[in-house]
Amino acid sequence: QCSGVTLPQGDFALRLTLRNWVGGVAKTTVHFSKTAAAVPVAIISGRASVSARSGKELVLEGIMAPSNCLGASTNALAPRWTIAPSPAGIGALNLRQQSLVVPKHTFVTGTTYTVSFTVTQGAASSTRSVTIDVSPSPPIPLLAGGSRLISLIENGSPLALDASPSYDPDATGAAANTPLRFAWYCEFNYKAGEALVGFQPTPCALLTPPGAALDEAILSISPDGMRAQSRNFSSASTDRTFTQGCPTPPEAGIRCDPDALFRFTVFVCTQGLPDALACSASNPGAASSSAVWATTPAVALAVRIVPLESIRVANTFTTKLLGSVAGLVAGQSASLKWVQTAPSDVQVVTTANLLTSQFARNLVLKRGALTGASTYTFR
């Protein structure tokens, strides 16, 4: 409050500076105009500068109210949005409502837009604006199969991690077919004696066939390499160590430890990176996804869930989770069951929410089963 100060008509900037006792400083600036006209109130909720992504929907909320000054018009308030520079497809937007919904891929990455909200009441109007800086979205990393139990039987089939479902959410049209860049990082859960140290890095080349590519969407895994590395889980033993399924009675040189796990992480980058900037954990534009593999010396079924096209789903549609089982020999059958592991306080895998059985290969949830802005995990 500026006591005793009378401002003339015009545009003003009011800056507030706060300092604490250790010398920290914070500043904020408010821009406003003073006018003798009875203008309505126009506000855009949020900050005056907004960072947006081309691959994500943007929603701006306008706030409007009639003027409470004497002589103000009694006409209804009329909102209107404008965007400069005008993006392609602006004709499809509803610009005459209080909220502005900008669909994904409307804004162009690397462009700065000025979005204005004008409220008109009779002959008087008021306008507020925000700046929208559109920056690149990180790629969406998806690992087919994910965390699972794998079999390391002698002469077993080759294994693989598949990140090819990953995609660039900003890419549209022909650009959607532009290949991404990949880098793989491998770890094993190490113990010092019986004390669990945690996941430690190991060269991926030790777990892959000779000459296998380490910078492509699919990482080939050698069962022989994993069996060799299984001797390094603990400083107290050089036996081949598996997570579960060890033979009974025990065999010499083989043991089981539930902490014996491998973790594989894929880093995904767009092709827009400079050639000298590698796709890696240190790259600020990289996104990552991990899978933890448990092992067994016995035959293990390969159970997979087909990755969803989007990790975000709306509760106004049915949700379909497609499962698959491989590794059954002729004449064998498998018992199936879907469970929800998160959130634990809201269970949606119930008869009332399902269009399929909980024991079927595929799980289909009814519309409205997924409530609220929650993250759900199914197994």
Protein backbone atom coordinates (compact mmCIF):
# COMPACT_ATOMS: atom_id res chain seq x y z
CA GLN A 1 0.00 0.00 0.00
CA CYS A 2 1.41 3.37 -1.05
CA SER A 3 -0.11 5.66 1.59
CA GLY A 4 -0.98 9.14 0.36
CA VAL A 5 0.01 8.43 -3.27
CA THR A 6 -2.48 9.38 -5.97
CA LEU A 7 -1.65 7.91 -9.37
CA PRO A 8 -2.62 9.55 -12.65
CA GLN A 9 -4.17 7.54 -15.47
CA GLY A 10 -1.68 5.33 -17.29
CA ASP A 11 0.27 2.07 -17.16
CA PHE A 12 2.36 1.20 -14.11
CA ALA A 13 4.72 -1.49 -12.82
CA LEU A 14 4.89 -2.15 -9.08
CA ARG A 15 7.89 -4.12 -7.85
CA LEU A 16 8.07 -5.81 -4.44
CA THR A 17 11.52 -6.76 -3.09
CA LEU A 18 11.92 -8.99 -0.04
CA ARG A 19 15.20 -9.53 1.83
CA ASN A 20 15.79 -11.91 4.71
CA TRP A 21 18.35 -11.69 7.50
CA VAL A 22 20.92 -13.85 5.68
CA GLY A 23 20.90 -11.65 2.60
CA GLY A 24 18.52 -13.62 0.40
CA VAL A 25 16.54 -11.52 -2.06
CA ALA A 26 13.33 -12.22 -3.96
CA LYS A 27 11.51 -9.89 -6.33
CA THR A 28 8.17 -9.84 -8.08
CA THR A 29 6.59 -7.27 -10.39
CA VAL A 30 2.92 -6.46 -10.95
CA HIS A 31 1.82 -4.51 -14.03
CA PHE A 32 -1.44 -2.57 -13.92
CA SER A 33 -3.27 0.29 -15.58
CA LYS A 34 -5.36 3.09 -14.13
CA THR A 35 -8.25 4.44 -16.15
CA ALA A 36 -11.26 6.65 -15.57
CA ALA A 37 -13.44 4.32 -17.63
CA ALA A 38 -15.71 1.74 -16.00
CA VAL A 39 -13.96 -1.32 -17.44
CA PRO A 40 -14.68 -4.95 -16.54
CA VAL A 41 -12.16 -7.18 -14.76
CA ALA A 42 -10.04 -9.50 -16.92
CA ILE A 43 -7.47 -11.87 -15.35
CA ILE A 44 -5.60 -14.91 -16.65
CA SER A 45 -5.05 -17.35 -13.79
CA GLY A 46 -1.41 -18.22 -13.11
CA ARG A 47 1.89 -16.67 -14.04
CA ALA A 48 2.49 -14.00 -16.66
CA SER A 49 4.97 -16.31 -18.41
CA VAL A 50 4.14 -19.97 -19.05
CA SER A 51 6.33 -22.80 -20.34
CA ALA A 52 4.45 -25.19 -22.61
CA ARG A 53 5.14 -28.29 -24.72
CA SER A 54 3.91 -28.82 -28.26
CA GLY A 55 3.04 -32.42 -27.46
CA LYS A 56 0.79 -31.53 -24.50
CA GLU A 57 -2.60 -29.90 -24.27
CA LEU A 58 -2.56 -26.43 -22.71
CA VAL A 59 -5.48 -25.00 -20.70
CA LEU A 60 -5.68 -21.34 -19.67
CA GLU A 61 -8.36 -20.16 -17.26
CA GLY A 62 -9.76 -16.66 -17.66
CA ILE A 63 -11.38 -14.80 -14.77
CA MET A 64 -13.86 -12.03 -15.51
CA ALA A 65 -16.18 -9.79 -13.53
CA PRO A 66 -18.27 -6.70 -14.28
CA SER A 67 -17.07 -3.25 -13.25
CA ASN A 68 -18.40 -2.02 -9.91
CA CYS A 69 -17.88 1.63 -10.84
CA LEU A 70 -20.75 4.06 -11.21
CA GLY A 71 -22.01 4.30 -14.77
CA ALA A 72 -20.74 0.87 -15.74
CA SER A 73 -22.60 -0.91 -18.52
CA THR A 74 -25.16 -3.50 -17.52
CA ASN A 75 -24.50 -5.55 -20.67
CA ALA A 76 -23.39 -9.17 -20.37
CA LEU A 77 -19.66 -9.87 -20.25
CA ALA A 78 -18.17 -11.13 -23.54
CA PRO A 79 -14.82 -12.98 -23.34
CA ARG A 80 -12.46 -13.35 -26.31
CA TRP A 81 -8.99 -14.92 -26.69
CA THR A 82 -6.34 -13.97 -29.25
CA ILE A 83 -3.02 -15.65 -30.01
CA ALA A 84 -0.04 -14.01 -31.71
CA PRO A 85 1.55 -15.18 -33.88
CA SER A 86 -1.54 -17.02 -35.05
CA PRO A 87 -0.87 -20.79 -35.10
CA ALA A 88 -2.11 -23.10 -37.82
CA GLY A 89 -5.44 -24.59 -36.87
CA ILE A 90 -6.53 -21.63 -34.77
CA GLY A 91 -9.90 -21.73 -36.55
CA ALA A 92 -10.68 -24.96 -34.71
CA LEU A 93 -10.29 -23.32 -31.28
CA ASN A 94 -13.19 -21.90 -29.28
CA LEU A 95 -11.89 -18.40 -28.58
CA ARG A 96 -15.10 -16.96 -27.13
CA GLN A 97 -15.37 -18.78 -23.83
CA GLN A 98 -13.87 -18.17 -20.42
CA SER A 99 -11.38 -21.07 -20.69
CA LEU A 100 -8.98 -21.59 -23.58
CA VAL A 101 -8.11 -25.18 -24.50
CA VAL A 102 -5.19 -25.49 -26.92
CA PRO A 103 -4.87 -29.06 -28.28
CA LYS A 104 -1.46 -30.68 -28.52
CA HIS A 105 0.57 -29.94 -31.66
CA THR A 106 -1.14 -26.55 -32.10
CA PHE A 107 1.90 -24.63 -30.89
CA VAL A 108 5.25 -24.96 -32.66
CA THR A 109 8.32 -25.88 -30.62
CA GLY A 110 10.78 -22.99 -30.30
CA THR A 111 8.12 -20.30 -30.81
CA THR A 112 7.01 -17.70 -28.25
CA TYR A 113 3.33 -16.77 -28.31
CA THR A 114 1.40 -13.94 -26.68
CA VAL A 115 -2.04 -15.08 -25.56
CA SER A 116 -4.49 -12.31 -24.63
CA PHE A 117 -7.81 -12.50 -22.79
CA THR A 118 -10.19 -9.61 -23.50
CA VAL A 119 -13.42 -9.04 -21.62
CA THR A 120 -15.93 -6.61 -23.15
CA GLN A 121 -18.90 -5.04 -21.35
CA GLY A 122 -20.81 -2.71 -23.58
CA ALA A 123 -18.33 -0.23 -25.07
CA ALA A 124 -15.70 -0.86 -22.38
CA SER A 125 -13.11 -3.65 -22.46
CA SER A 126 -10.12 -4.89 -20.51
CA THR A 127 -7.27 -7.12 -21.69
CA ARG A 128 -4.65 -9.25 -19.97
CA SER A 129 -1.88 -11.23 -21.66
CA VAL A 130 0.53 -14.07 -20.92
CA THR A 131 3.66 -15.18 -22.74
CA ILE A 132 3.83 -18.82 -23.82
CA ASP A 133 7.31 -20.24 -24.44
CA VAL A 134 7.07 -23.57 -26.26
CA SER A 135 10.03 -25.83 -25.47
CA PRO A 136 10.75 -29.36 -26.73
CA SER A 137 9.14 -32.26 -24.90
CA PRO A 138 11.35 -35.11 -23.74
CA PRO A 139 10.66 -38.37 -25.59
CA ILE A 140 8.35 -40.93 -24.00
CA PRO A 141 10.45 -44.04 -23.18
CA LEU A 142 8.58 -47.35 -23.25
CA LEU A 143 10.08 -50.78 -22.55
CA ALA A 144 8.09 -53.71 -23.91
CA GLY A 145 7.83 -56.51 -21.37
CA GLY A 146 9.11 -54.45 -18.45
CA SER A 147 10.17 -56.04 -15.18
CA ARG A 148 9.77 -59.81 -15.16
CA LEU A 149 11.18 -63.24 -14.34
CA ILE A 150 13.45 -64.69 -17.02
CA SER A 151 14.82 -68.20 -17.43
CA LEU A 152 18.57 -68.80 -17.61
CA ILE A 153 18.43 -72.50 -18.46
CA GLU A 154 21.36 -73.95 -20.38
CA ASN A 155 20.98 -73.49 -24.16
CA GLY A 156 18.03 -71.18 -23.53
CA SER A 157 16.57 -68.83 -26.11
CA PRO A 158 18.19 -65.41 -26.68
CA LEU A 159 16.70 -62.58 -24.64
CA ALA A 160 16.04 -58.96 -25.53
CA LEU A 161 14.88 -55.64 -24.16
CA ASP A 162 12.75 -53.70 -26.63
CA ALA A 163 12.42 -49.90 -26.40
CA SER A 164 11.08 -49.50 -29.95
CA PRO A 165 7.59 -48.43 -28.70
CA SER A 166 9.21 -45.19 -27.43
CA TYR A 167 8.16 -42.03 -29.27
CA ASP A 168 8.55 -38.25 -29.52
CA PRO A 169 5.30 -36.61 -28.35
CA ASP A 170 6.07 -33.42 -30.30
CA ALA A 171 6.51 -35.16 -33.66
CA THR A 172 3.65 -35.16 -36.14
CA GLY A 173 3.22 -36.20 -39.78
CA ALA A 174 6.41 -37.36 -41.46
CA ALA A 175 8.48 -36.25 -38.46
CA ALA A 176 6.78 -38.93 -36.36
CA ASN A 177 8.82 -41.51 -38.29
CA THR A 178 12.16 -39.89 -37.42
CA PRO A 179 14.24 -42.47 -35.49
CA LEU A 180 15.10 -41.78 -31.88
CA ARG A 181 18.50 -42.25 -30.26
CA PHE A 182 19.10 -44.84 -27.54
CA ALA A 183 21.68 -45.67 -24.90
CA TRP A 184 21.61 -48.61 -22.47
CA TYR A 185 22.82 -48.80 -18.89
CA CYS A 186 23.14 -52.11 -16.99
CA GLU A 187 23.34 -52.84 -13.25
CA PHE A 188 23.22 -55.73 -10.79
CA ASN A 189 22.10 -55.73 -7.14
CA TYR A 190 25.32 -56.21 -5.19
CA LYS A 191 25.93 -57.51 -1.66
CA ALA A 192 29.05 -57.04 0.45
CA GLY A 193 28.89 -60.30 2.35
CA GLU A 194 25.27 -60.38 3.47
CA ALA A 195 24.87 -56.58 3.52
CA LEU A 196 22.89 -55.25 0.56
CA VAL A 197 24.80 -52.42 -1.15
CA GLY A 198 22.30 -51.82 -3.94
CA PHE A 199 22.44 -51.66 -7.71
CA GLN A 200 25.95 -51.25 -9.10
CA PRO A 201 26.90 -50.59 -12.73
CA THR A 202 28.23 -53.37 -14.92
CA PRO A 203 29.26 -53.02 -18.59
CA CYS A 204 26.35 -53.97 -20.82
CA ALA A 205 28.85 -55.62 -23.16
CA LEU A 206 29.30 -58.35 -20.53
CA LEU A 207 25.60 -59.23 -20.74
CA THR A 208 25.16 -59.09 -24.50
CA PRO A 209 26.36 -61.29 -27.39
CA PRO A 210 29.73 -60.30 -28.87
CA GLY A 211 29.39 -57.28 -31.13
CA ALA A 212 25.82 -56.49 -30.07
CA ALA A 213 24.78 -52.85 -30.54
CA LEU A 214 24.40 -50.83 -27.34
CA ASP A 215 22.82 -47.76 -28.97
CA GLU A 216 19.78 -49.19 -30.73
CA ALA A 217 16.15 -49.64 -29.70
CA ILE A 218 16.56 -53.36 -29.01
CA LEU A 219 19.24 -54.64 -26.65
CA SER A 220 20.10 -58.32 -27.16
CA ILE A 221 20.88 -60.17 -23.93
CA SER A 222 23.03 -63.29 -23.72
CA PRO A 223 21.83 -65.91 -21.19
CA ASP A 224 25.45 -67.12 -21.02
CA GLY A 225 26.60 -63.61 -20.13
CA MET A 226 23.95 -63.30 -17.42
CA ARG A 227 24.90 -66.68 -15.95
CA ALA A 228 28.54 -65.59 -15.83
CA GLN A 229 27.65 -62.29 -14.15
CA SER A 230 25.43 -64.12 -11.66
CA ARG A 231 28.61 -65.18 -9.86
CA ASN A 232 29.30 -61.55 -8.91
CA PHE A 233 26.18 -60.73 -6.87
CA SER A 234 27.95 -61.15 -3.54
CA SER A 235 31.50 -60.85 -2.27
CA ALA A 236 30.79 -63.92 -0.10
CA SER A 237 30.11 -66.36 -2.95
CA THR A 238 31.14 -67.11 -6.50
CA ASP A 239 28.31 -69.59 -7.03
CA ARG A 240 25.88 -68.96 -9.86
CA THR A 241 23.12 -67.04 -8.10
CA PHE A 242 19.50 -66.84 -9.18
CA THR A 243 16.52 -65.00 -7.72
CA GLN A 244 14.28 -68.04 -7.34
CA GLY A 245 13.57 -71.57 -8.57
CA CYS A 246 16.75 -73.30 -7.43
CA PRO A 247 16.67 -77.12 -7.59
CA THR A 248 15.65 -79.22 -4.61
CA PRO A 249 17.77 -80.77 -3.20
CA PRO A 250 20.37 -78.01 -3.78
CA GLU A 251 23.05 -78.55 -6.41
CA ALA A 252 26.69 -77.63 -5.89
CA GLY A 253 27.64 -74.26 -7.38
CA ILE A 254 24.03 -72.98 -7.54
CA ARG A 255 22.21 -70.88 -4.98
CA CYS A 256 19.16 -68.59 -4.79
CA ASP A 257 18.91 -65.11 -3.29
CA PRO A 258 15.76 -62.96 -3.71
CA ASP A 259 18.00 -59.90 -3.93
CA ALA A 260 19.84 -61.22 -7.00
CA LEU A 261 18.39 -58.86 -9.59
CA PHE A 262 19.52 -57.18 -12.81
CA ARG A 263 18.34 -53.69 -13.76
CA PHE A 264 18.39 -52.36 -17.32
CA THR A 265 17.80 -48.69 -18.12
CA VAL A 266 17.31 -47.22 -21.57
CA PHE A 267 17.94 -43.53 -22.22
CA VAL A 268 15.96 -42.14 -25.14
CA CYS A 269 16.78 -38.91 -26.99
CA THR A 270 15.44 -37.16 -30.07
CA GLN A 271 17.49 -36.75 -33.21
CA GLY A 272 17.56 -32.99 -32.67
CA LEU A 273 20.59 -33.30 -30.40
CA PRO A 274 23.95 -32.11 -31.76
CA ASP A 275 26.08 -35.02 -32.98
CA ALA A 276 28.67 -34.25 -30.34
CA LEU A 277 26.10 -34.55 -27.56
CA ALA A 278 25.63 -38.23 -26.76
CA CYS A 279 22.38 -39.72 -25.60
CA SER A 280 23.16 -40.61 -21.97
CA ALA A 281 22.10 -40.09 -18.37
CA SER A 282 23.95 -36.76 -18.29
CA ASN A 283 22.03 -35.41 -21.27
CA PRO A 284 19.31 -32.97 -20.07
CA GLY A 285 17.10 -33.90 -23.03
CA ALA A 286 17.15 -37.63 -22.32
CA ALA A 287 14.25 -39.58 -20.82
CA SER A 288 14.65 -43.01 -19.28
CA SER A 289 12.76 -46.17 -18.42
CA SER A 290 13.96 -49.16 -16.42
CA ALA A 291 13.16 -52.85 -16.10
CA VAL A 292 14.25 -55.17 -13.30
CA TRP A 293 14.81 -58.79 -14.21
CA ALA A 294 14.65 -61.63 -11.72
CA THR A 295 16.21 -64.93 -12.82
CA THR A 296 15.60 -68.64 -12.42
CA PRO A 297 17.53 -71.73 -13.55
CA ALA A 298 14.18 -73.36 -14.36
CA VAL A 299 11.87 -72.83 -17.33
CA ALA A 300 9.98 -69.53 -16.97
CA LEU A 301 6.99 -68.32 -18.91
CA ALA A 302 7.39 -65.03 -20.76
CA VAL A 303 4.52 -62.82 -19.56
CA ARG A 304 4.08 -59.42 -21.18
CA ILE A 305 1.67 -56.51 -21.26
CA VAL A 306 1.45 -54.65 -24.56
CA PRO A 307 2.52 -51.02 -23.91
CA LEU A 308 -0.28 -48.47 -24.06
CA GLU A 309 -0.19 -45.81 -26.77
CA SER A 310 -0.24 -43.22 -24.00
CA ILE A 311 0.67 -43.39 -20.33
CA ARG A 312 -2.26 -41.04 -19.69
CA VAL A 313 -5.81 -42.32 -20.05
CA ALA A 314 -9.19 -40.64 -19.58
CA ASN A 315 -11.80 -42.18 -17.33
CA THR A 316 -14.48 -41.43 -19.95
CA PHE A 317 -13.25 -44.39 -22.04
CA THR A 318 -12.75 -48.07 -21.42
CA THR A 319 -9.17 -49.05 -20.63
CA LYS A 320 -7.76 -52.16 -22.31
CA LEU A 321 -4.68 -54.00 -21.05
CA LEU A 322 -3.54 -56.70 -23.46
CA GLY A 323 -1.54 -59.57 -21.98
CA SER A 324 0.43 -62.36 -23.65
CA VAL A 325 2.08 -65.56 -22.45
CA ALA A 326 4.87 -67.36 -24.27
CA GLY A 327 6.98 -70.39 -23.41
CA LEU A 328 4.24 -72.99 -22.98
CA VAL A 329 5.06 -76.36 -24.46
CA ALA A 330 2.49 -78.45 -26.30
CA GLY A 331 -0.28 -79.60 -24.01
CA GLN A 332 0.50 -77.09 -21.27
CA SER A 333 -1.91 -74.43 -20.06
CA ALA A 334 -1.39 -71.42 -17.82
CA SER A 335 -3.49 -69.96 -15.02
CA LEU A 336 -3.79 -66.20 -15.32
CA LYS A 337 -4.69 -63.47 -12.83
CA TRP A 338 -4.56 -59.67 -13.04
CA VAL A 339 -3.80 -57.69 -9.88
CA GLN A 340 -3.50 -54.00 -9.10
CA THR A 341 -0.41 -53.05 -7.10
CA ALA A 342 -0.96 -49.28 -6.84
CA PRO A 343 -2.64 -47.32 -5.43
CA SER A 344 -3.30 -49.68 -2.54
CA ASP A 345 -6.18 -47.71 -1.05
CA VAL A 346 -8.40 -47.69 -4.17
CA GLN A 347 -8.86 -51.10 -5.78
CA VAL A 348 -10.42 -51.02 -9.25
CA VAL A 349 -9.91 -54.67 -10.26
CA THR A 350 -13.35 -55.70 -9.03
CA THR A 351 -16.27 -57.37 -10.75
CA ALA A 352 -18.21 -54.09 -10.80
CA ASN A 353 -15.43 -52.34 -12.78
CA LEU A 354 -14.51 -55.08 -15.27
CA LEU A 355 -15.82 -55.98 -18.71
CA THR A 356 -13.64 -59.10 -18.69
CA SER A 357 -12.72 -61.66 -16.08
CA GLN A 358 -9.83 -60.94 -13.73
CA PHE A 359 -8.50 -64.33 -14.83
CA ALA A 360 -8.59 -63.68 -18.60
CA ARG A 361 -5.58 -62.94 -20.80
CA ASN A 362 -6.78 -59.36 -21.41
CA LEU A 363 -8.16 -56.94 -18.83
CA VAL A 364 -10.79 -54.36 -19.84
CA LEU A 365 -11.91 -51.74 -17.32
CA LYS A 366 -15.26 -50.00 -17.66
CA ARG A 367 -15.57 -46.28 -18.25
CA GLY A 368 -15.21 -44.37 -15.01
CA ALA A 369 -13.33 -47.17 -13.23
CA LEU A 370 -10.14 -45.10 -13.05
CA THR A 371 -11.09 -42.12 -10.90
CA GLY A 372 -9.15 -38.99 -10.06
CA ALA A 373 -5.70 -37.95 -11.20
CA SER A 374 -4.00 -41.09 -9.92
CA THR A 375 -1.22 -43.35 -11.19
CA TYR A 376 -2.31 -46.99 -11.44
CA THR A 377 -0.01 -50.02 -11.66
CA PHE A 378 -1.29 -53.40 -12.86
CA ARG A 379 0.47 -56.76 -12.98
